[in-house]
């Protein structure tokens, strides 16, 4: 089912660019983790961004709460099932695998990093860096946009634009919601966004390699 006839989830035209982006994103995650390790207060950038979004109107708070729900277990599971099922119906099995594994690894990585970094918000028991909600929605957007790029036959420029736009919109929306609700520092959201940018392309490459190896073993 995931053999040579299945579409690759990491378009060849984007591999070099995405590899460089993933490496840069991983570096940002590491640097921010070192800077804010063990802290329980906002940094200078955090304070400035918080001041800009403080006191949002009730309608925007409702929108933020709705967006936040998409990163909660029930909302996230529903999104993964819906998008994964859609990929299977479109006969894109590798894309379905990437959606499940890519989002899972992204959230799992943020959970591990939270314990390693130890940054807290609103008390010692609330680990905050990086944002798992932001990582999840960004990872889901990337896991959909990458195979869509190949499916649509987009070139490097158009494909890069699609992938980056998907990551920016999804990560920006969830990051804003987390900051507006006071659930995360802005740099937590940035760390979650970069975590997904580092994890998903690598996962896509591994999914393709595993599918090709499976196909060779069946010959």
N, C-alpha and C. Protein backbone atom coordinates (compact mmCIF):
# COMPACT_ATOMS: atom_id res chain seq x y z
N UNK A 1 0.82 -1.21 0.00
CA UNK A 1 0.00 0.00 0.00
C UNK A 1 0.85 1.25 0.00
N UNK A 2 2.04 1.19 0.59
CA UNK A 2 2.92 2.35 0.62
C UNK A 2 4.13 2.13 -0.27
N UNK A 3 3.92 1.44 -1.35
CA UNK A 3 5.02 1.12 -2.24
C UNK A 3 5.33 2.22 -3.22
N UNK A 4 6.00 1.85 -4.31
CA UNK A 4 6.48 2.84 -5.27
C UNK A 4 5.33 3.60 -5.92
N UNK A 5 4.15 2.96 -6.04
CA UNK A 5 3.03 3.63 -6.68
C UNK A 5 2.44 4.74 -5.82
N UNK A 6 2.73 4.73 -4.50
CA UNK A 6 2.21 5.75 -3.62
C UNK A 6 3.05 7.02 -3.75
N UNK A 7 2.36 8.15 -3.67
CA UNK A 7 3.05 9.43 -3.83
C UNK A 7 3.96 9.71 -2.65
N UNK A 8 5.15 10.25 -2.94
CA UNK A 8 6.09 10.63 -1.89
C UNK A 8 5.53 11.81 -1.11
N UNK A 9 5.82 11.85 0.19
CA UNK A 9 5.33 12.95 1.01
C UNK A 9 6.36 14.07 1.12
N UNK A 10 7.58 13.81 0.69
CA UNK A 10 8.60 14.86 0.69
C UNK A 10 9.03 15.09 -0.76
N UNK A 11 8.45 16.08 -1.43
CA UNK A 11 8.77 16.33 -2.83
C UNK A 11 10.27 16.54 -3.04
N UNK A 12 10.87 15.88 -4.01
CA UNK A 12 12.31 16.03 -4.26
C UNK A 12 12.75 17.49 -4.44
N UNK A 13 11.89 18.30 -5.03
CA UNK A 13 12.25 19.69 -5.29
C UNK A 13 12.40 20.51 -4.02
N UNK A 14 11.84 20.01 -2.91
CA UNK A 14 11.87 20.77 -1.65
C UNK A 14 12.84 20.21 -0.63
N UNK A 15 13.47 19.09 -0.93
CA UNK A 15 14.27 18.40 0.09
C UNK A 15 15.42 19.25 0.61
N UNK A 16 16.16 19.88 -0.28
CA UNK A 16 17.31 20.68 0.16
C UNK A 16 16.87 21.86 1.01
N UNK A 17 15.86 22.59 0.51
CA UNK A 17 15.37 23.76 1.24
C UNK A 17 14.80 23.37 2.58
N UNK A 18 13.99 22.31 2.62
CA UNK A 18 13.39 21.89 3.88
C UNK A 18 14.42 21.34 4.85
N UNK A 19 15.45 20.70 4.33
CA UNK A 19 16.51 20.22 5.20
C UNK A 19 17.21 21.36 5.89
N UNK A 20 17.51 22.42 5.14
CA UNK A 20 18.16 23.60 5.73
C UNK A 20 17.24 24.28 6.73
N UNK A 21 15.95 24.38 6.39
CA UNK A 21 14.98 25.00 7.29
C UNK A 21 14.83 24.20 8.58
N UNK A 22 14.80 22.88 8.46
CA UNK A 22 14.67 22.02 9.64
C UNK A 22 15.87 22.19 10.56
N UNK A 23 17.07 22.27 9.98
CA UNK A 23 18.27 22.45 10.79
C UNK A 23 18.24 23.80 11.51
N UNK A 24 17.83 24.85 10.80
CA UNK A 24 17.74 26.17 11.41
C UNK A 24 16.70 26.19 12.52
N UNK A 25 15.56 25.55 12.27
CA UNK A 25 14.50 25.50 13.28
C UNK A 25 14.97 24.77 14.53
N UNK A 26 15.69 23.65 14.35
CA UNK A 26 16.21 22.91 15.49
C UNK A 26 17.18 23.76 16.30
N UNK A 27 17.98 24.57 15.60
CA UNK A 27 18.92 25.46 16.28
C UNK A 27 18.17 26.50 17.12
N UNK A 28 17.11 27.06 16.55
CA UNK A 28 16.32 28.04 17.29
C UNK A 28 15.72 27.42 18.54
N UNK A 29 15.18 26.21 18.41
CA UNK A 29 14.60 25.51 19.56
C UNK A 29 15.65 25.33 20.65
N UNK A 30 16.85 24.92 20.26
CA UNK A 30 17.92 24.69 21.23
C UNK A 30 18.36 25.98 21.91
N UNK A 31 18.54 27.04 21.12
CA UNK A 31 18.99 28.31 21.68
C UNK A 31 17.97 28.87 22.66
N UNK A 32 16.69 28.88 22.27
CA UNK A 32 15.66 29.37 23.17
C UNK A 32 15.56 28.51 24.42
N UNK A 33 15.74 27.20 24.26
CA UNK A 33 15.70 26.32 25.41
C UNK A 33 16.79 26.63 26.41
N UNK A 34 17.97 26.93 25.92
CA UNK A 34 19.09 27.28 26.81
C UNK A 34 18.84 28.63 27.48
N UNK A 35 18.34 29.59 26.71
CA UNK A 35 18.10 30.94 27.24
C UNK A 35 17.07 30.95 28.36
N UNK A 36 16.04 30.12 28.23
CA UNK A 36 14.94 30.18 29.19
C UNK A 36 14.87 28.97 30.11
N UNK A 37 15.91 28.18 30.14
CA UNK A 37 15.93 26.99 30.99
C UNK A 37 15.74 27.35 32.46
N UNK A 38 14.80 26.67 33.09
CA UNK A 38 14.57 26.84 34.52
C UNK A 38 13.90 28.14 34.92
N UNK A 39 13.50 28.98 33.97
CA UNK A 39 12.90 30.26 34.31
C UNK A 39 11.39 30.16 34.46
N UNK A 40 10.82 31.10 35.19
CA UNK A 40 9.38 31.15 35.39
C UNK A 40 8.82 32.54 35.18
N UNK A 41 9.46 33.28 34.30
CA UNK A 41 9.01 34.65 34.03
C UNK A 41 9.21 34.96 32.55
N UNK A 42 8.48 35.96 32.05
CA UNK A 42 8.63 36.31 30.64
C UNK A 42 9.94 37.03 30.38
N UNK A 43 10.48 36.83 29.18
CA UNK A 43 11.64 37.58 28.76
C UNK A 43 11.22 38.94 28.23
N UNK A 44 12.19 39.73 27.76
CA UNK A 44 11.89 41.07 27.25
C UNK A 44 10.94 41.01 26.07
N UNK A 45 11.23 40.11 25.12
CA UNK A 45 10.36 39.97 23.96
C UNK A 45 8.98 39.50 24.37
N UNK A 46 8.91 38.55 25.29
CA UNK A 46 7.63 38.05 25.77
C UNK A 46 6.78 39.17 26.35
N UNK A 47 7.40 40.00 27.19
CA UNK A 47 6.67 41.07 27.85
C UNK A 47 6.11 42.07 26.83
N UNK A 48 6.88 42.38 25.81
CA UNK A 48 6.43 43.33 24.80
C UNK A 48 5.26 42.78 23.99
N UNK A 49 5.35 41.51 23.62
CA UNK A 49 4.27 40.91 22.84
C UNK A 49 3.02 40.77 23.69
N UNK A 50 3.19 40.34 24.94
CA UNK A 50 2.05 40.22 25.84
C UNK A 50 1.33 41.57 26.00
N UNK A 51 2.10 42.64 26.12
CA UNK A 51 1.51 43.97 26.27
C UNK A 51 0.67 44.33 25.05
N UNK A 52 1.10 43.87 23.88
CA UNK A 52 0.38 44.19 22.64
C UNK A 52 -0.94 43.44 22.52
N UNK A 53 -1.02 42.24 23.07
CA UNK A 53 -2.23 41.43 22.94
C UNK A 53 -3.07 41.42 24.20
N UNK A 54 -2.63 42.13 25.24
CA UNK A 54 -3.35 42.13 26.50
C UNK A 54 -4.70 42.83 26.34
N UNK A 55 -5.72 42.28 26.98
CA UNK A 55 -7.02 42.90 26.97
C UNK A 55 -7.78 42.75 25.65
N UNK A 56 -7.69 41.57 25.02
CA UNK A 56 -8.41 41.35 23.77
C UNK A 56 -9.91 41.38 24.02
N UNK A 57 -10.65 41.79 23.01
CA UNK A 57 -12.10 41.87 23.11
C UNK A 57 -12.69 40.48 23.33
N UNK A 58 -13.88 40.40 23.96
CA UNK A 58 -14.50 39.09 24.23
C UNK A 58 -14.63 38.20 23.00
N UNK A 59 -14.99 38.78 21.86
CA UNK A 59 -15.14 37.96 20.65
C UNK A 59 -13.83 37.29 20.27
N UNK A 60 -12.72 38.01 20.43
CA UNK A 60 -11.42 37.44 20.11
C UNK A 60 -11.01 36.38 21.12
N UNK A 61 -11.45 36.55 22.37
CA UNK A 61 -11.15 35.52 23.36
C UNK A 61 -11.89 34.23 23.02
N UNK A 62 -13.13 34.35 22.54
CA UNK A 62 -13.89 33.16 22.14
C UNK A 62 -13.20 32.47 20.96
N UNK A 63 -12.68 33.26 20.03
CA UNK A 63 -11.96 32.69 18.89
C UNK A 63 -10.69 31.99 19.36
N UNK A 64 -10.01 32.62 20.33
CA UNK A 64 -8.79 32.01 20.87
C UNK A 64 -9.11 30.69 21.57
N UNK A 65 -10.21 30.65 22.30
CA UNK A 65 -10.60 29.41 22.98
C UNK A 65 -10.95 28.31 21.98
N UNK A 66 -11.63 28.69 20.90
CA UNK A 66 -11.98 27.70 19.87
C UNK A 66 -10.72 27.16 19.20
N UNK A 67 -9.77 28.05 18.94
CA UNK A 67 -8.50 27.63 18.34
C UNK A 67 -7.73 26.73 19.29
N UNK A 68 -7.71 27.10 20.56
CA UNK A 68 -7.03 26.30 21.57
C UNK A 68 -7.59 24.89 21.63
N UNK A 69 -8.90 24.74 21.45
CA UNK A 69 -9.53 23.42 21.50
C UNK A 69 -8.96 22.48 20.45
N UNK A 70 -8.54 23.03 19.31
CA UNK A 70 -7.99 22.20 18.25
C UNK A 70 -6.69 21.52 18.66
N UNK A 71 -6.05 22.06 19.70
CA UNK A 71 -4.82 21.44 20.20
C UNK A 71 -5.03 20.57 21.42
N UNK A 72 -6.26 20.56 21.94
CA UNK A 72 -6.58 19.69 23.06
C UNK A 72 -6.75 18.25 22.56
N UNK A 73 -6.66 17.25 23.44
CA UNK A 73 -6.72 15.85 22.98
C UNK A 73 -7.91 15.53 22.09
N UNK A 74 -9.11 15.97 22.48
CA UNK A 74 -10.31 15.66 21.68
C UNK A 74 -10.26 16.35 20.32
N UNK A 75 -9.94 17.63 20.33
CA UNK A 75 -9.89 18.37 19.06
C UNK A 75 -8.78 17.88 18.16
N UNK A 76 -7.61 17.62 18.73
CA UNK A 76 -6.48 17.14 17.94
C UNK A 76 -6.77 15.78 17.33
N UNK A 77 -7.37 14.89 18.13
CA UNK A 77 -7.70 13.55 17.62
C UNK A 77 -8.69 13.64 16.46
N UNK A 78 -9.68 14.52 16.59
CA UNK A 78 -10.66 14.68 15.53
C UNK A 78 -10.02 15.18 14.24
N UNK A 79 -9.10 16.14 14.37
CA UNK A 79 -8.42 16.66 13.19
C UNK A 79 -7.55 15.60 12.52
N UNK A 80 -6.84 14.83 13.33
CA UNK A 80 -5.96 13.78 12.77
C UNK A 80 -6.78 12.71 12.08
N UNK A 81 -7.87 12.29 12.70
CA UNK A 81 -8.73 11.26 12.09
C UNK A 81 -9.33 11.77 10.79
N UNK A 82 -9.83 13.02 10.79
CA UNK A 82 -10.47 13.57 9.61
C UNK A 82 -9.48 13.71 8.45
N UNK A 83 -8.32 14.30 8.72
CA UNK A 83 -7.35 14.50 7.65
C UNK A 83 -6.72 13.18 7.20
N UNK A 84 -6.47 12.29 8.15
CA UNK A 84 -5.91 10.99 7.80
C UNK A 84 -6.87 10.18 6.95
N UNK A 85 -8.14 10.21 7.30
CA UNK A 85 -9.16 9.50 6.52
C UNK A 85 -9.26 10.10 5.12
N UNK A 86 -9.19 11.42 5.04
CA UNK A 86 -9.24 12.07 3.74
C UNK A 86 -8.10 11.62 2.84
N UNK A 87 -6.91 11.50 3.43
CA UNK A 87 -5.76 11.04 2.65
C UNK A 87 -5.95 9.61 2.15
N UNK A 88 -6.50 8.77 2.99
CA UNK A 88 -6.74 7.38 2.57
C UNK A 88 -7.77 7.32 1.46
N UNK A 89 -8.81 8.15 1.55
CA UNK A 89 -9.83 8.17 0.50
C UNK A 89 -9.25 8.67 -0.82
N UNK A 90 -8.24 9.55 -0.74
CA UNK A 90 -7.58 10.06 -1.93
C UNK A 90 -6.44 9.15 -2.39
N UNK A 91 -6.30 8.00 -1.72
CA UNK A 91 -5.25 7.02 -2.02
C UNK A 91 -3.86 7.63 -1.85
N UNK A 92 -3.69 8.28 -0.71
CA UNK A 92 -2.40 8.85 -0.32
C UNK A 92 -1.99 8.25 1.02
N UNK A 93 -1.64 6.97 1.03
CA UNK A 93 -1.35 6.30 2.31
C UNK A 93 -0.15 6.87 3.04
N UNK A 94 0.89 7.26 2.30
CA UNK A 94 2.05 7.84 2.97
C UNK A 94 1.67 9.14 3.68
N UNK A 95 0.80 9.93 3.06
CA UNK A 95 0.37 11.18 3.67
C UNK A 95 -0.39 10.90 4.97
N UNK A 96 -1.21 9.86 4.96
CA UNK A 96 -1.95 9.49 6.18
C UNK A 96 -0.99 9.10 7.29
N UNK A 97 0.04 8.33 6.93
CA UNK A 97 1.05 7.94 7.92
C UNK A 97 1.78 9.17 8.45
N UNK A 98 2.12 10.09 7.55
CA UNK A 98 2.84 11.30 7.97
C UNK A 98 2.00 12.14 8.93
N UNK A 99 0.71 12.23 8.67
CA UNK A 99 -0.16 13.01 9.55
C UNK A 99 -0.15 12.44 10.97
N UNK A 100 -0.27 11.14 11.07
CA UNK A 100 -0.29 10.51 12.40
C UNK A 100 1.08 10.58 13.07
N UNK A 101 2.10 10.14 12.36
CA UNK A 101 3.43 10.07 12.95
C UNK A 101 4.05 11.46 13.13
N UNK A 102 3.87 12.33 12.14
CA UNK A 102 4.46 13.66 12.22
C UNK A 102 3.91 14.48 13.37
N UNK A 103 2.57 14.47 13.52
CA UNK A 103 1.99 15.22 14.63
C UNK A 103 2.34 14.58 15.96
N UNK A 104 2.33 13.25 16.00
CA UNK A 104 2.66 12.56 17.24
C UNK A 104 4.08 12.83 17.70
N UNK A 105 5.03 12.76 16.77
CA UNK A 105 6.43 13.02 17.14
C UNK A 105 6.65 14.48 17.52
N UNK A 106 5.96 15.38 16.86
CA UNK A 106 6.12 16.80 17.18
C UNK A 106 5.64 17.08 18.61
N UNK A 107 4.47 16.58 18.95
CA UNK A 107 3.95 16.78 20.30
C UNK A 107 4.80 16.04 21.32
N UNK A 108 5.23 14.83 20.98
CA UNK A 108 6.08 14.08 21.89
C UNK A 108 7.41 14.78 22.15
N UNK A 109 7.95 15.40 21.10
CA UNK A 109 9.21 16.14 21.26
C UNK A 109 9.03 17.34 22.18
N UNK A 110 7.92 18.06 22.03
CA UNK A 110 7.68 19.20 22.92
C UNK A 110 7.52 18.76 24.37
N UNK A 111 6.88 17.61 24.57
CA UNK A 111 6.71 17.10 25.93
C UNK A 111 8.06 16.78 26.56
N UNK A 112 8.94 16.14 25.79
CA UNK A 112 10.27 15.83 26.28
C UNK A 112 11.06 17.10 26.58
N UNK A 113 10.99 18.06 25.66
CA UNK A 113 11.73 19.31 25.85
C UNK A 113 11.24 20.09 27.06
N UNK A 114 9.94 20.05 27.32
CA UNK A 114 9.41 20.75 28.49
C UNK A 114 10.09 20.28 29.77
N UNK A 115 10.27 18.98 29.88
CA UNK A 115 10.93 18.45 31.08
C UNK A 115 12.42 18.74 31.09
N UNK A 116 13.04 18.78 29.93
CA UNK A 116 14.46 19.08 29.88
C UNK A 116 14.74 20.56 30.16
N UNK A 117 13.92 21.44 29.59
CA UNK A 117 14.13 22.88 29.75
C UNK A 117 13.65 23.37 31.11
N UNK A 118 12.50 22.92 31.53
CA UNK A 118 12.00 23.27 32.86
C UNK A 118 11.47 24.69 32.99
N UNK A 119 11.12 25.33 31.90
CA UNK A 119 10.53 26.66 31.99
C UNK A 119 9.07 26.54 32.43
N UNK A 120 8.63 27.45 33.31
CA UNK A 120 7.27 27.36 33.84
C UNK A 120 6.51 28.66 33.63
N UNK A 121 5.19 28.56 33.73
CA UNK A 121 4.31 29.71 33.64
C UNK A 121 3.17 29.51 34.63
N UNK A 122 2.82 30.54 35.37
CA UNK A 122 1.73 30.48 36.36
C UNK A 122 1.97 29.40 37.40
N UNK A 123 3.19 29.26 37.85
CA UNK A 123 3.46 28.29 38.90
C UNK A 123 4.42 27.20 38.48
N UNK A 124 5.05 26.57 39.47
CA UNK A 124 6.09 25.58 39.19
C UNK A 124 5.58 24.34 38.47
N UNK A 125 4.31 24.02 38.59
CA UNK A 125 3.82 22.78 37.99
C UNK A 125 3.43 22.91 36.53
N UNK A 126 3.53 24.11 35.95
CA UNK A 126 3.08 24.32 34.59
C UNK A 126 4.27 24.52 33.64
N UNK A 127 4.78 23.44 33.10
CA UNK A 127 5.88 23.52 32.15
C UNK A 127 5.38 24.14 30.85
N UNK A 128 6.17 25.05 30.28
CA UNK A 128 5.63 25.82 29.16
C UNK A 128 6.42 25.78 27.87
N UNK A 129 7.72 25.49 27.91
CA UNK A 129 8.52 25.58 26.69
C UNK A 129 8.91 24.21 26.17
N UNK A 130 8.63 23.95 24.88
CA UNK A 130 7.90 24.75 23.90
C UNK A 130 6.40 24.42 23.92
N UNK A 131 5.61 25.20 23.19
CA UNK A 131 4.16 25.00 23.16
C UNK A 131 3.77 23.78 22.34
N UNK A 132 3.15 22.80 23.00
CA UNK A 132 2.71 21.61 22.29
C UNK A 132 1.54 21.88 21.37
N UNK A 133 0.64 22.79 21.78
CA UNK A 133 -0.49 23.15 20.93
C UNK A 133 0.00 23.73 19.60
N UNK A 134 0.95 24.67 19.69
CA UNK A 134 1.47 25.29 18.47
C UNK A 134 2.19 24.28 17.60
N UNK A 135 2.96 23.41 18.23
CA UNK A 135 3.67 22.38 17.48
C UNK A 135 2.69 21.47 16.75
N UNK A 136 1.60 21.08 17.44
CA UNK A 136 0.64 20.17 16.82
C UNK A 136 0.01 20.76 15.57
N UNK A 137 -0.55 21.97 15.68
CA UNK A 137 -1.27 22.51 14.52
C UNK A 137 -0.32 22.84 13.38
N UNK A 138 0.89 23.28 13.71
CA UNK A 138 1.88 23.52 12.67
C UNK A 138 2.26 22.22 11.98
N UNK A 139 2.47 21.17 12.77
CA UNK A 139 2.84 19.87 12.21
C UNK A 139 1.74 19.33 11.31
N UNK A 140 0.49 19.48 11.73
CA UNK A 140 -0.63 19.01 10.91
C UNK A 140 -0.67 19.75 9.58
N UNK A 141 -0.49 21.07 9.64
CA UNK A 141 -0.50 21.87 8.41
C UNK A 141 0.63 21.44 7.47
N UNK A 142 1.79 21.20 8.01
CA UNK A 142 2.93 20.76 7.20
C UNK A 142 2.67 19.37 6.61
N UNK A 143 2.10 18.49 7.43
CA UNK A 143 1.85 17.12 6.97
C UNK A 143 0.81 17.07 5.86
N UNK A 144 -0.05 18.08 5.79
CA UNK A 144 -1.02 18.17 4.71
C UNK A 144 -0.41 18.88 3.50
N UNK A 145 0.33 19.96 3.76
CA UNK A 145 0.88 20.77 2.67
C UNK A 145 1.96 20.05 1.88
N UNK A 146 2.80 19.25 2.54
CA UNK A 146 3.90 18.58 1.83
C UNK A 146 3.39 17.63 0.74
N UNK A 147 2.53 16.67 1.07
CA UNK A 147 2.03 15.80 -0.01
C UNK A 147 1.17 16.55 -1.01
N UNK A 148 0.48 17.61 -0.57
CA UNK A 148 -0.33 18.40 -1.50
C UNK A 148 0.55 19.04 -2.56
N UNK A 149 1.76 19.45 -2.16
CA UNK A 149 2.70 20.04 -3.11
C UNK A 149 3.04 19.05 -4.23
N UNK A 150 3.31 17.81 -3.85
CA UNK A 150 3.60 16.79 -4.85
C UNK A 150 2.39 16.42 -5.67
N UNK A 151 1.24 16.32 -5.00
CA UNK A 151 0.00 15.95 -5.68
C UNK A 151 -0.37 16.98 -6.75
N UNK A 152 -0.14 18.26 -6.44
CA UNK A 152 -0.48 19.34 -7.37
C UNK A 152 0.60 19.58 -8.41
N UNK A 153 1.73 18.90 -8.27
CA UNK A 153 2.82 19.06 -9.22
C UNK A 153 3.46 20.43 -9.17
N UNK A 154 3.52 21.03 -7.99
CA UNK A 154 4.09 22.37 -7.87
C UNK A 154 5.61 22.33 -7.93
N UNK A 155 6.20 23.35 -8.48
CA UNK A 155 7.64 23.46 -8.53
C UNK A 155 8.19 23.94 -7.21
N UNK A 156 9.50 24.21 -7.20
CA UNK A 156 10.16 24.58 -5.95
C UNK A 156 9.61 25.87 -5.36
N UNK A 157 9.44 26.89 -6.20
CA UNK A 157 8.98 28.19 -5.69
C UNK A 157 7.55 28.12 -5.18
N UNK A 158 6.65 27.57 -6.01
CA UNK A 158 5.25 27.47 -5.59
C UNK A 158 5.08 26.52 -4.42
N UNK A 159 5.81 25.40 -4.46
CA UNK A 159 5.72 24.43 -3.38
C UNK A 159 6.24 24.99 -2.07
N UNK A 160 7.35 25.71 -2.14
CA UNK A 160 7.91 26.35 -0.95
C UNK A 160 6.92 27.35 -0.37
N UNK A 161 6.29 28.12 -1.24
CA UNK A 161 5.33 29.13 -0.80
C UNK A 161 4.14 28.48 -0.10
N UNK A 162 3.65 27.37 -0.66
CA UNK A 162 2.51 26.68 -0.07
C UNK A 162 2.86 26.12 1.31
N UNK A 163 3.98 25.45 1.40
CA UNK A 163 4.38 24.83 2.67
C UNK A 163 4.62 25.89 3.74
N UNK A 164 5.34 26.94 3.38
CA UNK A 164 5.64 27.98 4.35
C UNK A 164 4.38 28.73 4.77
N UNK A 165 3.48 28.98 3.82
CA UNK A 165 2.23 29.68 4.15
C UNK A 165 1.39 28.84 5.10
N UNK A 166 1.30 27.53 4.85
CA UNK A 166 0.52 26.65 5.72
C UNK A 166 1.09 26.67 7.14
N UNK A 167 2.41 26.59 7.25
CA UNK A 167 3.04 26.59 8.57
C UNK A 167 2.83 27.92 9.29
N UNK A 168 2.94 29.01 8.56
CA UNK A 168 2.79 30.33 9.16
C UNK A 168 1.35 30.57 9.63
N UNK A 169 0.38 30.21 8.80
CA UNK A 169 -1.02 30.43 9.16
C UNK A 169 -1.42 29.58 10.37
N UNK A 170 -1.12 28.28 10.30
CA UNK A 170 -1.50 27.38 11.39
C UNK A 170 -0.75 27.71 12.67
N UNK A 171 0.57 27.86 12.56
CA UNK A 171 1.37 28.16 13.75
C UNK A 171 1.06 29.53 14.31
N UNK A 172 0.84 30.50 13.41
CA UNK A 172 0.52 31.85 13.87
C UNK A 172 -0.81 31.90 14.60
N UNK A 173 -1.81 31.21 14.07
CA UNK A 173 -3.14 31.20 14.69
C UNK A 173 -3.10 30.56 16.07
N UNK A 174 -2.47 29.39 16.17
CA UNK A 174 -2.42 28.72 17.47
C UNK A 174 -1.50 29.46 18.43
N UNK A 175 -0.37 29.96 17.94
CA UNK A 175 0.53 30.71 18.81
C UNK A 175 -0.16 31.94 19.38
N UNK A 176 -0.90 32.66 18.53
CA UNK A 176 -1.64 33.83 19.01
C UNK A 176 -2.65 33.43 20.08
N UNK A 177 -3.37 32.33 19.86
CA UNK A 177 -4.36 31.89 20.82
C UNK A 177 -3.73 31.57 22.17
N UNK A 178 -2.58 30.89 22.14
CA UNK A 178 -1.91 30.53 23.39
C UNK A 178 -1.44 31.76 24.15
N UNK A 179 -0.93 32.74 23.43
CA UNK A 179 -0.45 33.97 24.07
C UNK A 179 -1.63 34.80 24.56
N UNK A 180 -2.68 34.93 23.75
CA UNK A 180 -3.84 35.72 24.13
C UNK A 180 -4.54 35.15 25.37
N UNK A 181 -4.52 33.84 25.51
CA UNK A 181 -5.14 33.19 26.66
C UNK A 181 -4.22 33.14 27.87
N UNK A 182 -2.98 33.56 27.69
CA UNK A 182 -2.02 33.52 28.78
C UNK A 182 -1.51 32.14 29.11
N UNK A 183 -1.71 31.20 28.19
CA UNK A 183 -1.29 29.82 28.42
C UNK A 183 0.20 29.61 28.17
N UNK A 184 0.79 30.47 27.32
CA UNK A 184 2.20 30.34 26.97
C UNK A 184 2.82 31.71 26.77
N UNK A 185 4.13 31.76 26.96
CA UNK A 185 4.89 32.95 26.57
C UNK A 185 5.01 32.94 25.05
N UNK A 186 5.16 34.10 24.43
CA UNK A 186 5.35 34.14 22.97
C UNK A 186 6.52 33.29 22.50
N UNK A 187 7.61 33.27 23.26
CA UNK A 187 8.76 32.45 22.85
C UNK A 187 8.47 30.96 22.98
N UNK A 188 7.51 30.59 23.83
CA UNK A 188 7.07 29.19 23.87
C UNK A 188 6.41 28.81 22.55
N UNK A 189 5.57 29.73 22.06
CA UNK A 189 4.88 29.48 20.79
C UNK A 189 5.89 29.38 19.65
N UNK A 190 6.88 30.27 19.65
CA UNK A 190 7.92 30.21 18.62
C UNK A 190 8.67 28.89 18.70
N UNK A 191 8.97 28.44 19.91
CA UNK A 191 9.65 27.16 20.07
C UNK A 191 8.83 25.99 19.57
N UNK A 192 7.52 26.04 19.82
CA UNK A 192 6.64 24.97 19.31
C UNK A 192 6.57 24.96 17.81
N UNK A 193 6.50 26.16 17.22
CA UNK A 193 6.47 26.28 15.76
C UNK A 193 7.73 25.71 15.14
N UNK A 194 8.86 26.08 15.71
CA UNK A 194 10.14 25.60 15.18
C UNK A 194 10.31 24.10 15.40
N UNK A 195 9.76 23.57 16.49
CA UNK A 195 9.83 22.13 16.73
C UNK A 195 9.16 21.37 15.60
N UNK A 196 7.98 21.81 15.19
CA UNK A 196 7.27 21.16 14.09
C UNK A 196 8.06 21.29 12.79
N UNK A 197 8.65 22.46 12.55
CA UNK A 197 9.44 22.66 11.33
C UNK A 197 10.66 21.75 11.29
N UNK A 198 11.18 21.40 12.46
CA UNK A 198 12.34 20.51 12.51
C UNK A 198 11.93 19.05 12.39
N UNK A 199 10.81 18.68 12.99
CA UNK A 199 10.42 17.27 13.09
C UNK A 199 9.73 16.76 11.83
N UNK A 200 8.79 17.52 11.29
CA UNK A 200 7.95 16.99 10.20
C UNK A 200 8.74 16.69 8.93
N UNK A 201 9.61 17.58 8.44
CA UNK A 201 10.37 17.22 7.23
C UNK A 201 11.21 15.96 7.43
N UNK A 202 11.82 15.83 8.61
CA UNK A 202 12.61 14.63 8.88
C UNK A 202 11.73 13.39 8.90
N UNK A 203 10.54 13.52 9.49
CA UNK A 203 9.60 12.40 9.52
C UNK A 203 9.14 12.03 8.11
N UNK A 204 8.89 13.04 7.29
CA UNK A 204 8.47 12.79 5.90
C UNK A 204 9.54 12.02 5.15
N UNK A 205 10.79 12.40 5.36
CA UNK A 205 11.91 11.70 4.70
C UNK A 205 11.94 10.24 5.15
N UNK A 206 11.75 10.00 6.44
CA UNK A 206 11.78 8.64 6.97
C UNK A 206 10.61 7.82 6.46
N UNK A 207 9.43 8.43 6.34
CA UNK A 207 8.26 7.72 5.81
C UNK A 207 8.53 7.27 4.38
N UNK A 208 9.10 8.15 3.57
CA UNK A 208 9.41 7.78 2.19
C UNK A 208 10.45 6.66 2.13
N UNK A 209 11.49 6.78 2.96
CA UNK A 209 12.53 5.74 2.95
C UNK A 209 11.97 4.40 3.40
N UNK A 210 11.13 4.41 4.43
CA UNK A 210 10.54 3.16 4.92
C UNK A 210 9.62 2.54 3.87
N UNK A 211 8.86 3.37 3.18
CA UNK A 211 7.96 2.87 2.14
C UNK A 211 8.74 2.24 0.99
N UNK A 212 9.83 2.89 0.59
CA UNK A 212 10.65 2.36 -0.49
C UNK A 212 11.34 1.06 -0.10
N UNK A 213 11.79 0.99 1.16
CA UNK A 213 12.41 -0.24 1.64
C UNK A 213 11.39 -1.38 1.69
N UNK A 214 10.17 -1.06 2.12
CA UNK A 214 9.11 -2.07 2.16
C UNK A 214 8.83 -2.59 0.75
N UNK A 215 8.82 -1.69 -0.22
CA UNK A 215 8.56 -2.09 -1.60
C UNK A 215 9.67 -3.00 -2.13
N UNK A 216 10.92 -2.64 -1.83
CA UNK A 216 12.05 -3.47 -2.29
C UNK A 216 12.00 -4.85 -1.69
N UNK A 217 11.63 -4.96 -0.41
CA UNK A 217 11.59 -6.25 0.26
C UNK A 217 10.50 -7.17 -0.31
N UNK A 218 9.49 -6.58 -0.91
CA UNK A 218 8.39 -7.38 -1.47
C UNK A 218 8.67 -7.84 -2.88
N UNK A 219 9.70 -7.30 -3.49
CA UNK A 219 10.00 -7.69 -4.89
C UNK A 219 10.60 -9.09 -4.95
